[in-house]
Protein backbone atom coordinates (compact mmCIF):
# COMPACT_ATOMS: atom_id res chain seq x y z
CA MET A 1 0.04 -0.01 0.02
CA ILE A 2 1.32 3.38 -0.94
CA LYS A 3 0.61 6.43 1.04
CA ILE A 4 1.13 10.01 -0.51
CA THR A 5 1.05 12.93 1.67
CA LYS A 6 0.78 16.74 1.48
CA ILE A 7 -1.20 16.91 -2.01
CA ILE A 8 -4.80 15.67 -2.27
CA ILE A 9 -4.81 12.65 -4.78
CA PHE A 10 -7.45 14.35 -6.60
CA SER A 11 -5.06 16.92 -7.70
CA LEU A 12 -3.00 14.52 -9.66
CA CYS A 13 -5.89 13.76 -11.84
CA LEU A 14 -5.65 17.51 -12.78
CA ILE A 15 -1.90 17.00 -14.06
CA SER A 16 -2.04 16.22 -17.84
CA CYS A 17 0.20 13.58 -19.11
CA SER A 18 2.64 16.47 -20.08
CA VAL A 19 3.63 18.06 -17.00
CA TYR A 20 6.35 20.49 -18.48
CA ASP A 21 6.39 24.24 -19.15
CA THR A 22 6.59 22.37 -21.73
CA THR A 23 44.37 -9.69 -12.24
CA GLY A 24 45.29 -7.72 -9.34
CA PHE A 25 43.91 -8.05 -6.04
CA TRP A 26 41.84 -5.93 -3.62
CA SER A 27 43.56 -2.79 -2.19
CA LYS A 28 43.37 -2.06 1.55
CA GLN A 29 40.18 -0.72 2.80
CA LYS A 30 40.15 3.05 3.70
CA GLN A 31 37.58 5.60 4.72
CA ILE A 32 35.81 7.06 1.78
CA ASP A 33 35.04 10.80 1.14
CA LYS A 34 31.33 10.94 1.25
CA GLU A 35 29.90 14.07 -0.38
CA ASN A 36 -1.15 -11.10 -32.95
CA LEU A 37 0.53 -8.38 -35.70
CA GLN A 38 0.03 -4.78 -35.10
CA PHE A 39 1.84 -1.74 -36.07
CA LYS A 40 1.82 1.68 -34.27
CA LYS A 41 3.75 4.81 -35.10
CA ILE A 42 4.63 7.47 -32.81
CA PHE A 43 5.19 10.94 -34.07
CA ASP A 44 8.28 13.28 -33.63
CA GLU A 45 8.83 14.60 -30.14
CA LYS A 46 7.88 18.02 -29.14
CA GLU A 47 10.43 20.27 -27.50
CA PHE A 48 10.01 21.03 -23.69
CA GLN A 49 11.50 22.63 -20.78
CA GLU A 50 12.28 20.55 -17.97
CA ASN A 51 11.36 21.58 -14.39
CA GLU A 52 10.79 20.22 -10.99
CA LEU A 53 7.09 19.33 -10.18
CA ASN A 54 5.78 18.85 -6.69
CA PRO A 55 9.33 18.73 -5.13
CA SER A 56 7.93 18.52 -1.67
CA PHE A 57 5.52 15.75 -2.39
CA LEU A 58 6.18 13.06 0.02
CA ILE A 59 5.90 9.20 -0.88
CA ASN A 60 5.93 6.20 1.33
CA VAL A 61 5.66 2.75 0.53
CA GLU A 62 4.63 0.21 3.25
CA PHE A 63 7.46 -2.47 2.27
CA GLU A 64 6.33 -5.11 4.81
CA ASN A 65 3.34 -5.62 2.15
CA VAL A 66 5.74 -5.50 -0.76
CA LYS A 67 6.92 -8.95 -2.13
CA LYS A 68 10.58 -8.98 -3.70
CA ASN A 69 10.53 -9.37 -7.38
CA LEU A 70 11.87 -13.05 -7.92
CA ASP A 71 11.80 -12.89 -11.88
CA ILE A 72 14.28 -9.94 -12.43
CA LYS A 73 16.35 -12.33 -14.84
CA PHE A 74 13.42 -12.39 -17.29
CA ASP A 75 11.39 -9.21 -16.45
CA ASN A 76 14.46 -6.71 -15.72
CA ASN A 77 12.55 -5.20 -12.85
CA ASP A 78 14.87 -4.62 -10.13
CA GLY A 79 12.58 -3.66 -7.51
CA TYR A 80 14.12 -3.02 -4.08
CA ILE A 81 17.33 -4.37 -2.88
CA ASN A 82 18.28 -5.70 0.58
CA PHE A 83 21.24 -3.32 1.46
CA ASN A 84 21.23 -1.17 4.50
CA GLY A 85 22.85 1.82 2.90
CA GLU A 86 25.74 2.23 5.39
CA ILE A 87 28.76 2.65 3.11
CA ASN A 88 32.14 3.30 5.02
CA ASN A 89 34.83 1.64 3.37
CA VAL A 90 36.23 1.19 -0.10
CA SER A 91 38.44 -1.26 -1.78
CA LYS A 92 39.47 -2.01 -5.46
CA PHE A 93 40.12 -5.01 -7.76
CA LYS A 94 42.36 -3.71 -10.40
CA PHE A 95 42.84 -5.00 -14.14
CA SER A 96 44.14 -3.62 -17.38
CA LYS A 97 42.21 -0.85 -18.64
CA ILE A 98 39.21 -1.73 -20.99
CA LYS A 99 38.96 0.43 -24.15
CA ASN A 100 35.49 1.55 -25.19
CA PHE A 101 34.15 1.03 -21.66
CA LYS A 102 31.31 3.46 -21.95
CA LYS A 103 29.87 1.49 -24.91
CA ILE A 104 29.40 -1.98 -23.36
CA GLU A 105 27.34 -1.24 -20.45
CA PRO A 106 29.35 -4.01 -18.37
CA ASN A 107 27.57 -6.44 -15.95
CA LEU A 108 28.87 -8.24 -12.99
CA ILE A 109 28.15 -11.90 -12.29
CA LEU A 110 27.84 -12.57 -8.52
CA ASN A 111 28.01 -16.22 -7.87
CA ASN A 112 28.28 -17.58 -4.31
CA ASN A 113 30.04 -14.62 -3.02
CA ASN A 114 32.36 -14.79 -5.85
CA VAL A 115 32.63 -12.01 -8.43
CA ILE A 116 33.13 -12.74 -12.07
CA PHE A 117 34.18 -9.89 -14.80
CA PHE A 118 36.66 -9.56 -17.67
CA ASP A 119 39.59 -7.37 -18.64
CA ASP A 120 40.54 -5.70 -21.96
CA LYS A 121 42.27 -8.81 -23.17
CA GLY A 122 39.17 -11.09 -22.94
CA ASN A 123 40.22 -12.55 -19.68
CA LEU A 124 37.29 -13.92 -17.55
CA LEU A 125 38.44 -13.47 -13.83
CA CYS A 126 36.48 -15.03 -11.00
CA PHE A 127 37.59 -14.00 -7.50
CA ASP A 128 36.41 -14.36 -4.04
CA GLN A 129 35.55 -11.91 -1.12
CA ASN A 130 39.23 -12.52 0.14
CA SER A 131 40.86 -11.31 -3.04
CA ASN A 132 41.87 -14.73 -3.98
CA LEU A 133 41.84 -15.51 -7.85
CA VAL A 134 39.51 -18.48 -8.06
CA TRP A 135 39.81 -19.19 -11.75
CA LYS A 136 40.78 -17.26 -15.01
CA GLN A 137 39.83 -18.40 -18.49
CA ASN A 138 40.66 -16.94 -21.96
CA ILE A 139 39.57 -18.34 -25.45
CA TYR A 140 40.84 -15.63 -27.71
CA THR A 141 43.62 -15.63 -30.27
CA LYS A 142 46.54 -13.20 -30.14
CA GLU A 143 44.70 -11.26 -33.11
CA GLU A 144 41.49 -11.05 -31.17
CA ILE A 145 43.19 -9.97 -28.21
CA LYS A 146 44.71 -7.12 -29.90
CA ILE A 147 41.33 -5.85 -31.11
CA GLY A 148 39.92 -5.97 -27.56
CA PRO A 149 37.07 -8.26 -26.81
CA LEU A 150 34.03 -6.63 -25.17
CA LEU A 151 32.00 -9.25 -23.30
CA SER A 152 28.39 -9.63 -21.98
CA LEU A 153 27.65 -12.09 -19.36
CA HIS A 154 24.97 -14.20 -17.89
CA LYS A 155 24.54 -16.86 -15.38
CA LYS A 156 21.99 -19.78 -15.84
CA ASN A 157 22.29 -22.64 -13.02
CA ASP A 158 25.84 -23.71 -13.23
CA LYS A 159 26.79 -22.23 -16.49
CA LEU A 160 28.33 -18.91 -17.47
CA ILE A 161 26.96 -17.76 -20.79
CA VAL A 162 29.12 -15.08 -22.79
CA THR A 163 28.64 -13.11 -26.07
CA ASP A 164 30.95 -10.64 -27.44
CA ASN A 165 31.76 -8.08 -30.22
CA LEU A 166 33.81 -10.71 -32.32
CA ALA A 167 30.70 -12.62 -33.07
CA ARG A 168 31.21 -15.68 -30.52
CA ILE A 169 29.21 -17.12 -28.04
CA TYR A 170 30.32 -19.72 -25.49
CA SER A 171 29.69 -21.19 -22.30
CA LEU A 172 31.78 -21.94 -19.05
CA ASP A 173 31.29 -23.81 -15.91
CA VAL A 174 30.87 -20.88 -13.62
CA ASP A 175 32.54 -22.56 -10.73
CA THR A 176 35.82 -23.87 -12.48
CA GLY A 177 35.80 -21.59 -15.67
CA ASP A 178 36.25 -24.72 -17.77
CA LEU A 179 35.15 -24.14 -21.37
CA ILE A 180 31.88 -26.40 -22.25
CA TRP A 181 31.18 -25.25 -25.72
CA GLU A 182 31.82 -22.33 -28.12
CA LYS A 183 30.34 -21.18 -31.53
CA ARG A 184 31.02 -18.67 -34.08
CA HIS A 185 28.12 -16.40 -35.28
CA ASN A 186 27.71 -14.37 -38.44
CA SER A 187 27.75 -10.93 -36.79
CA PRO A 188 28.84 -9.49 -33.47
CA PHE A 189 26.25 -9.49 -30.44
CA ASN A 190 24.98 -6.34 -29.10
CA SER A 191 22.53 -6.96 -26.28
CA GLU A 192 21.85 -8.29 -22.79
CA ILE A 193 21.53 -12.14 -22.69
CA LYS A 194 18.51 -14.26 -21.39
CA ALA A 195 18.43 -17.83 -20.71
CA TYR A 196 14.93 -19.29 -20.54
CA LYS A 197 14.23 -23.07 -20.10
CA ASN A 198 16.79 -24.71 -22.48
CA ARG A 199 17.33 -21.75 -24.69
CA ILE A 200 19.47 -18.73 -24.96
CA TYR A 201 18.43 -15.52 -26.43
CA VAL A 202 20.40 -12.68 -27.72
CA ILE A 203 20.20 -9.95 -30.18
CA ASP A 204 23.09 -9.18 -32.91
CA SER A 205 24.21 -6.03 -34.49
CA LYS A 206 21.91 -6.75 -37.51
CA ASN A 207 19.07 -6.28 -35.26
CA THR A 208 18.31 -10.18 -35.40
CA LEU A 209 17.11 -12.00 -32.32
CA ASN A 210 18.86 -15.49 -32.05
CA SER A 211 17.77 -18.60 -30.24
CA PHE A 212 20.46 -21.14 -29.18
CA LEU A 213 20.42 -24.43 -27.27
CA LEU A 214 21.77 -24.01 -23.83
CA LYS A 215 23.48 -27.38 -23.73
CA ASP A 216 25.56 -27.02 -26.80
CA GLY A 217 25.06 -23.56 -28.43
CA SER A 218 23.47 -24.96 -31.51
CA LYS A 219 21.31 -22.52 -33.08
CA VAL A 220 17.67 -23.21 -33.09
CA TRP A 221 15.99 -19.88 -34.96
CA SER A 222 16.63 -16.41 -35.86
CA HIS A 223 13.93 -13.49 -36.11
CA ILE A 224 15.24 -10.77 -38.47
CA THR A 225 13.76 -7.24 -37.87
CA GLU A 226 14.62 -4.02 -40.22
CA LYS A 227 18.43 -3.70 -40.59
CA SER A 228 20.16 -0.60 -39.86
CA PHE A 229 23.12 0.97 -41.43
CA ILE A 230 24.48 2.00 -38.12
CA ASN A 231 25.09 -0.06 -34.82
CA SER A 232 22.96 0.90 -31.71
CA LEU A 233 24.96 3.30 -29.33
CA LYS A 234 23.36 1.27 -26.41
CA ARG A 235 23.10 -2.29 -25.80
CA LEU A 236 19.73 -3.78 -26.90
CA SER A 237 17.48 -5.34 -24.51
CA LEU A 238 15.02 -8.05 -24.21
CA VAL A 239 12.42 -9.63 -21.69
CA ILE A 240 10.54 -12.95 -21.52
CA ILE A 241 6.97 -13.21 -20.33
CA ASN A 242 4.34 -15.99 -20.86
CA ASP A 243 6.52 -17.80 -23.52
CA LYS A 244 7.00 -14.43 -25.43
CA VAL A 245 10.37 -12.86 -25.99
CA ILE A 246 9.93 -9.03 -26.24
CA PHE A 247 12.98 -7.07 -27.60
CA ASN A 248 14.02 -3.68 -29.11
CA ASN A 249 16.27 -2.93 -32.10
CA SER A 250 18.43 0.00 -32.93
CA LEU A 251 15.56 1.76 -34.79
CA GLY A 252 13.44 1.79 -31.84
CA ASP A 253 11.23 -1.10 -32.88
CA ILE A 254 9.68 -3.15 -30.18
CA THR A 255 8.83 -6.53 -31.29
CA ALA A 256 7.24 -9.68 -29.59
CA VAL A 257 7.87 -13.11 -30.77
CA ASN A 258 7.13 -16.97 -29.68
CA ALA A 259 9.96 -18.41 -27.55
CA LYS A 260 9.68 -21.72 -28.95
CA ASP A 261 9.78 -21.02 -32.95
CA GLY A 262 10.63 -17.44 -33.34
CA LYS A 263 7.11 -16.57 -34.98
CA LEU A 264 6.14 -12.87 -34.82
CA ILE A 265 3.35 -12.01 -32.50
CA TRP A 266 3.22 -8.15 -32.82
CA GLN A 267 5.51 -5.17 -33.56
CA THR A 268 5.28 -1.68 -32.47
CA VAL A 269 7.22 1.27 -34.02
CA THR A 270 8.02 3.73 -31.33
CA PHE A 271 10.39 5.83 -33.04
CA ASN A 272 9.68 7.68 -36.34
CA SER A 273 12.37 9.89 -37.96
CA ASN A 274 13.93 10.33 -41.49
CA MET A 275 16.95 12.24 -40.10
CA PHE A 276 20.24 10.35 -40.02
CA GLU A 277 21.26 12.27 -37.04
CA ASP A 278 18.13 11.22 -35.14
CA ILE A 279 18.62 7.60 -35.97
CA MET A 280 22.33 7.49 -35.03
CA SER A 281 21.86 8.90 -31.70
CA LEU A 282 18.87 6.98 -30.64
CA LYS A 283 19.40 5.17 -26.99
CA THR A 284 16.44 3.25 -25.54
CA SER A 285 16.40 2.01 -22.01
CA ASP A 286 16.54 -1.51 -21.01
CA LEU A 287 12.85 -3.04 -21.15
CA VAL A 288 11.03 -3.75 -18.02
CA ILE A 289 7.99 -5.85 -17.59
CA ASP A 290 5.46 -5.42 -14.65
CA GLU A 291 2.13 -7.06 -14.52
CA ASN A 292 1.80 -7.76 -18.24
CA ASN A 293 2.80 -4.10 -19.01
CA LEU A 294 5.95 -3.06 -20.72
CA TYR A 295 7.79 -0.06 -19.67
CA PHE A 296 10.67 1.72 -21.33
CA SER A 297 12.16 5.17 -22.47
CA ASN A 298 14.51 6.71 -24.87
CA ASN A 299 16.54 9.85 -25.08
CA LYS A 300 14.27 11.52 -27.65
CA ASN A 301 11.75 12.57 -24.88
CA GLU A 302 9.64 9.39 -24.97
CA PHE A 303 8.63 7.16 -22.23
CA TYR A 304 6.23 4.42 -22.92
CA SER A 305 3.84 2.01 -21.53
CA LEU A 306 2.81 -0.89 -23.70
CA ASP A 307 0.38 -3.86 -23.29
CA SER A 308 2.73 -6.74 -23.51
CA GLU A 309 0.15 -9.00 -25.02
CA THR A 310 -0.95 -6.81 -27.89
CA GLY A 311 1.76 -4.15 -28.32
CA LEU A 312 -0.82 -1.48 -28.02
CA ILE A 313 0.31 1.66 -26.23
CA ASN A 314 -1.11 2.33 -22.97
CA TRP A 315 0.29 5.75 -22.45
CA LYS A 316 3.32 7.95 -23.41
CA GLN A 317 5.06 10.72 -21.45
CA GLN A 318 7.73 13.17 -22.25
CA ILE A 319 10.76 12.16 -20.20
CA SER A 320 14.11 11.87 -21.93
CA SER A 321 15.89 8.90 -20.26
CA SER A 322 18.16 6.10 -21.33
CA LEU A 323 18.21 4.45 -17.95
CA LYS A 324 16.35 1.46 -16.92
CA PRO A 325 13.21 2.43 -14.81
CA THR A 326 12.50 0.52 -11.69
CA ILE A 327 8.80 -0.34 -10.65
CA ILE A 328 7.67 -0.86 -6.92
CA GLU A 329 4.05 -1.33 -6.50
CA SER A 330 2.06 1.16 -8.38
CA LEU A 331 5.00 3.66 -8.89
CA ILE A 332 7.85 3.86 -11.58
CA PHE A 333 11.20 5.45 -10.70
CA THR A 334 13.57 6.82 -13.17
CA PHE A 335 15.86 9.57 -14.01
CA SER A 336 16.21 11.79 -16.93
CA ASN A 337 19.38 12.09 -18.88
CA THR A 338 19.75 15.76 -17.33
CA GLY A 339 19.46 14.68 -13.85
CA TYR A 340 15.77 14.93 -12.77
CA GLN A 341 14.23 12.31 -10.85
CA TYR A 342 10.79 11.29 -11.83
CA VAL A 343 8.13 9.31 -10.02
CA ILE A 344 5.11 8.13 -12.36
CA GLU A 345 1.95 6.33 -11.55
CA LYS A 346 2.43 3.25 -13.64
CA ASN A 347 -1.46 2.75 -14.69
CA SER A 348 -2.29 6.25 -15.89
CA GLY A 349 1.26 7.51 -16.61
CA ASN A 350 0.73 10.63 -14.69
CA ILE A 351 3.87 12.02 -13.23
CA ILE A 352 3.64 12.64 -9.48
CA ARG A 353 6.97 14.43 -8.73
CA VAL A 354 10.14 15.58 -10.36
CA ASN A 355 13.10 16.56 -8.48
CA ASP A 356 16.52 17.98 -9.65
CA VAL A 357 19.12 15.78 -8.31
CA PHE A 358 21.87 17.48 -10.11
CA TYR A 359 21.32 20.92 -8.49
CA GLN A 360 24.51 20.89 -6.89
CA PHE A 361 26.44 21.03 -10.11
CA ASN A 362 26.85 24.40 -12.03
CA LYS A 363 25.33 24.90 -15.44
CA LYS A 364 28.63 24.53 -17.23
CA LYS A 365 29.71 21.17 -15.40
CA ARG A 366 26.17 19.46 -15.45
CA LYS A 367 25.99 19.78 -19.26
CA LYS A 368 28.96 17.21 -19.15
CA ILE A 369 27.28 14.92 -16.63
CA SER A 370 24.77 12.15 -17.03
CA PRO A 371 23.54 9.54 -14.84
CA THR A 372 24.58 5.70 -15.66
CA GLY A 373 22.15 3.70 -13.50
CA PHE A 374 20.45 3.22 -10.20
CA ILE A 375 19.36 0.77 -7.63
CA MET A 376 16.94 1.17 -4.68
CA ASN A 377 16.55 -0.04 -1.10
CA THR A 378 13.69 0.56 0.97
CA ARG A 379 14.72 4.08 1.91
CA GLU A 380 17.40 5.47 -0.61
CA ILE A 381 18.16 5.59 -4.35
CA PHE A 382 21.87 4.91 -5.35
CA LEU A 383 22.52 6.92 -8.59
CA SER A 384 25.81 6.61 -10.44
CA THR A 385 27.27 9.14 -12.81
CA SER A 386 29.48 9.71 -15.69
CA ILE A 387 31.99 11.88 -13.52
CA GLY A 388 32.67 9.09 -10.73
CA LYS A 389 30.15 10.30 -8.25
CA LEU A 390 27.58 8.06 -6.36
CA LEU A 391 24.49 10.22 -5.33
CA ILE A 392 22.46 8.78 -2.36
CA VAL A 393 18.84 10.23 -2.87
CA ASN A 394 16.13 9.85 -0.27
CA TRP A 395 13.38 8.67 -2.60
CA SER A 396 10.56 9.71 -0.07
CA ASP A 397 11.21 13.55 -0.62
CA GLY A 398 13.80 13.16 -3.64
CA ARG A 399 16.40 15.08 -1.93
CA VAL A 400 19.99 14.29 -2.09
CA LYS A 401 21.46 12.82 1.30
CA ASN A 402 24.84 12.29 0.29
CA THR A 403 27.72 12.30 -2.50
CA ILE A 404 30.39 9.72 -2.56
CA ASN A 405 33.36 10.34 -4.67
CA ILE A 406 34.46 7.16 -6.40
CA GLY A 407 36.65 8.78 -8.95
CA LYS A 408 36.79 11.36 -11.67
CA ASP A 409 35.51 8.99 -14.65
CA TYR A 410 32.56 6.94 -15.70
CA ILE A 411 31.18 4.31 -13.31
CA SER A 412 28.62 1.83 -14.12
CA ARG A 413 25.20 1.20 -12.28
CA PRO A 414 25.66 -0.12 -8.80
CA TYR A 415 25.49 -3.98 -8.03
CA VAL A 416 24.71 -5.50 -4.84
CA ASP A 417 25.31 -8.88 -3.34
CA ASN A 418 25.50 -10.10 0.37
CA LYS A 419 25.26 -6.39 1.56
CA ILE A 420 28.20 -5.53 -0.41
CA MET A 421 27.99 -2.80 -3.39
CA TYR A 422 30.01 -3.00 -6.59
CA LEU A 423 30.85 -0.25 -9.16
CA ILE A 424 32.71 -1.03 -12.30
CA LYS A 425 35.13 1.37 -13.85
CA ASP A 426 37.26 1.13 -17.01
CA ASN A 427 40.25 -0.47 -14.93
CA SER A 428 38.87 -1.68 -11.63
CA ILE A 429 35.91 -3.09 -9.51
CA ILE A 430 35.14 -0.78 -6.74
CA LYS A 431 33.73 -2.63 -3.67
CA LEU A 432 31.80 -0.58 -0.97
CA ASN A 433 30.63 -1.70 2.37
């Protein structure tokens, strides 16, 4: 149950859908510095002025009545995490610097208190909480290593699934690092990975969704969408619900196919532009499923709710964001690319509150800053940024409680396991506890 104070609920109904004025080891710990087929077209976005809205609007969620999401690997909804928010120490696991780090949206694999990641040579590294290297694996040739493999990782039971920008897909034993199988594809991969039942699903750079057998990597089917002359600037996304795989492509199309045979169920066009610059710069957030509805946004001032059964649009809002949103009960939480926090009522699409969390930065500096991802516990939002700062925001009132300096460069979205938070940089993993 959600309680909203200070503003009468009726007043929210008066808000229109547009609410704008429109291989190393851990370093020693040290104290940290806390500072069926249907096509829909959506027309070009309108320019708008982003401002705060109801900035003092208080929101409270009774978490004792909120169940944790157990389907995050399929629906992408982080919900809330079990993390007390106390951060006092920092340590690092260092590795050789990854080129093009900002383009890969790296993901950690957390397995029985071990952490799995990779370096710029394509080495897969597994280490434990005591800094010990558990295993190391590299399947690449000297020529491939020179290119710099960029990896995406996914864990399914005892198997680690890996895809890369060199058109390889392979599987390792997650506990030992031993190679189980390896296959070559006809184009590089550029998406998150999903493993569902006995299949693997992943999108390649030709905007094609591929299905492989989990046991040996044999291809089962491919579903081709419209090819693009450019690759997406952002990793593509997919979710799985009711034996359907729903995914996006670099042109902004959302497509649903049958998970078993890859046959088309519906497709919705969410971005319509003939301008090269617009298409080239499109960034769409990860897709998120909640109660049979699909939520996502892009950097062209469009936030959508779609019916996952039909692809029909429930509502659309003017929010420019390429970050994955989080849904808790009837509320959606997200951040715009310019540093504004949004709270949205998920059924109507009404924006309840907007808070500027980048107010602490001067105008010249904030133009160079963007949020890179966030997670939430029952009290705070932990928002990472492109300038190495981790903002801790009280989501009840939308105000910044604290700022932690992680470094001066891009840091990944936070990951939490066993009450420890991890952030990834281009040359290290930062451990906060």
